[in-house]
Amino acid sequence: MVLGLGDDSGTHQDLLVNLDLSIPAFFTRFARVAEVVVEDPAIRLAARESFRSYREQGYPPQDHRLQRL
C-alpha cells in the first residue's frame, strides 16, 4: 500500500482509494477506483457528481451499500 498526496500515482496502479471530493486526473491509470461515501450531505452530493462523471467517461461505477452497525 502506498499513501500519497498530489498528482503522482507512483508505480502501483491496481486500486486507487480516492478520499478526496474530486476525481484525480490520473484515475484512468488504475484498474479499480474505490470511494467511501458517508452520510454527510456535501460528501454525498460530491459522490453523486463523481458517479455521473465516471459513467460519462465510460467507467461504469458499482455501489456497495454497507449496513450500519
C-alpha atoms as a PDB file:
ATOM      1  CA  MET A   1       0.000   0.000   0.000  1.00  0.00           C
ATOM      2  CA  VAL A   2       1.220   3.444  -0.873  1.00  0.00           C
ATOM      3  CA  LEU A   3      -0.348   6.575   0.586  1.00  0.00           C
ATOM      4  CA  GLY A   4       0.100   9.674  -1.453  1.00  0.00           C
ATOM      5  CA  LEU A   5      -0.979  13.209  -1.987  1.00  0.00           C
ATOM      6  CA  GLY A   6      -0.746  15.099  -5.229  1.00  0.00           C
ATOM      7  CA  ASP A   7      -0.632  14.207  -8.891  1.00  0.00           C
ATOM      8  CA  ASP A   8       1.915  11.368  -8.853  1.00  0.00           C
ATOM      9  CA  SER A   9       0.277   7.959  -8.512  1.00  0.00           C
ATOM     10  CA  GLY A  10       3.582   6.138  -8.220  1.00  0.00           C
ATOM     11  CA  THR A  11       4.136   2.716  -9.743  1.00  0.00           C
ATOM     12  CA  HIS A  12       1.234   0.883  -8.096  1.00  0.00           C
ATOM     13  CA  GLN A  13      -1.821   1.017 -10.322  1.00  0.00           C
ATOM     14  CA  ASP A  14      -4.211  -1.733  -9.232  1.00  0.00           C
ATOM     15  CA  LEU A  15      -6.510   0.108  -6.814  1.00  0.00           C
ATOM     16  CA  LEU A  16      -6.987   3.807  -6.127  1.00  0.00           C
ATOM     17  CA  VAL A  17      -8.831   4.604  -2.903  1.00  0.00           C
ATOM     18  CA  ASN A  18      -9.888   8.179  -3.535  1.00  0.00           C
ATOM     19  CA  LEU A  19     -10.505  10.078  -0.297  1.00  0.00           C
ATOM     20  CA  ASP A  20     -10.878  13.462  -1.998  1.00  0.00           C
ATOM     21  CA  LEU A  21     -14.171  15.048  -3.047  1.00  0.00           C
ATOM     22  CA  SER A  22     -12.911  15.402  -6.620  1.00  0.00           C
ATOM     23  CA  ILE A  23     -11.717  12.798  -9.104  1.00  0.00           C
ATOM     24  CA  PRO A  24      -7.959  12.934  -9.685  1.00  0.00           C
ATOM     25  CA  ALA A  25      -6.929  13.422 -13.315  1.00  0.00           C
ATOM     26  CA  PHE A  26      -4.776  10.267 -13.208  1.00  0.00           C
ATOM     27  CA  PHE A  27      -7.569   7.892 -12.117  1.00  0.00           C
ATOM     28  CA  THR A  28      -7.562   6.176 -15.534  1.00  0.00           C
ATOM     29  CA  ARG A  29      -4.149   4.643 -14.717  1.00  0.00           C
ATOM     30  CA  PHE A  30      -5.804   2.359 -12.176  1.00  0.00           C
ATOM     31  CA  ALA A  31      -7.603  -0.925 -12.729  1.00  0.00           C
ATOM     32  CA  ARG A  32     -10.108  -0.067  -9.979  1.00  0.00           C
ATOM     33  CA  VAL A  33     -11.213   3.022  -8.068  1.00  0.00           C
ATOM     34  CA  ALA A  34     -12.939   2.989  -4.691  1.00  0.00           C
ATOM     35  CA  GLU A  35     -14.570   5.929  -2.955  1.00  0.00           C
ATOM     36  CA  VAL A  36     -16.002   5.964   0.548  1.00  0.00           C
ATOM     37  CA  VAL A  37     -19.259   7.889   0.877  1.00  0.00           C
ATOM     38  CA  VAL A  38     -20.656   8.835   4.273  1.00  0.00           C
ATOM     39  CA  GLU A  39     -23.970  10.370   5.319  1.00  0.00           C
ATOM     40  CA  ASP A  40     -22.745  13.982   5.177  1.00  0.00           C
ATOM     41  CA  PRO A  41     -24.838  15.903   2.595  1.00  0.00           C
ATOM     42  CA  ALA A  42     -21.851  17.672   0.992  1.00  0.00           C
ATOM     43  CA  ILE A  43     -19.956  14.398   0.607  1.00  0.00           C
ATOM     44  CA  ARG A  44     -22.994  12.619  -0.808  1.00  0.00           C
ATOM     45  CA  LEU A  45     -23.503  15.406  -3.365  1.00  0.00           C
ATOM     46  CA  ALA A  46     -19.855  15.233  -4.466  1.00  0.00           C
ATOM     47  CA  ALA A  47     -20.109  11.432  -4.689  1.00  0.00           C
ATOM     48  CA  ARG A  48     -23.169  11.681  -6.932  1.00  0.00           C
ATOM     49  CA  GLU A  49     -21.298  14.050  -9.231  1.00  0.00           C
ATOM     50  CA  SER A  50     -18.313  11.676  -9.321  1.00  0.00           C
ATOM     51  CA  PHE A  51     -20.630   8.733 -10.043  1.00  0.00           C
ATOM     52  CA  ARG A  52     -22.051  10.593 -13.067  1.00  0.00           C
ATOM     53  CA  SER A  53     -18.611  11.658 -14.236  1.00  0.00           C
ATOM     54  CA  TYR A  54     -17.187   8.116 -14.075  1.00  0.00           C
ATOM     55  CA  ARG A  55     -20.192   6.809 -16.021  1.00  0.00           C
ATOM     56  CA  GLU A  56     -19.951   9.569 -18.662  1.00  0.00           C
ATOM     57  CA  GLN A  57     -16.269   8.749 -19.165  1.00  0.00           C
ATOM     58  CA  GLY A  58     -17.040   5.082 -19.820  1.00  0.00           C
ATOM     59  CA  TYR A  59     -16.233   3.689 -16.374  1.00  0.00           C
ATOM     60  CA  PRO A  60     -19.475   2.152 -15.093  1.00  0.00           C
ATOM     61  CA  PRO A  61     -19.490   2.518 -11.297  1.00  0.00           C
ATOM     62  CA  GLN A  62     -20.789  -0.100  -8.896  1.00  0.00           C
ATOM     63  CA  ASP A  63     -22.096   0.787  -5.496  1.00  0.00           C
ATOM     64  CA  HIS A  64     -21.732  -1.430  -2.458  1.00  0.00           C
ATOM     65  CA  ARG A  65     -24.072  -0.495   0.340  1.00  0.00           C
ATOM     66  CA  LEU A  66     -22.649  -1.340   3.718  1.00  0.00           C
ATOM     67  CA  GLN A  67     -25.011  -1.982   6.557  1.00  0.00           C
ATOM     68  CA  ARG A  68     -24.784   0.247   9.605  1.00  0.00           C
ATOM     69  CA  LEU A  69     -23.541  -1.396  12.762  1.00  0.00           C
END
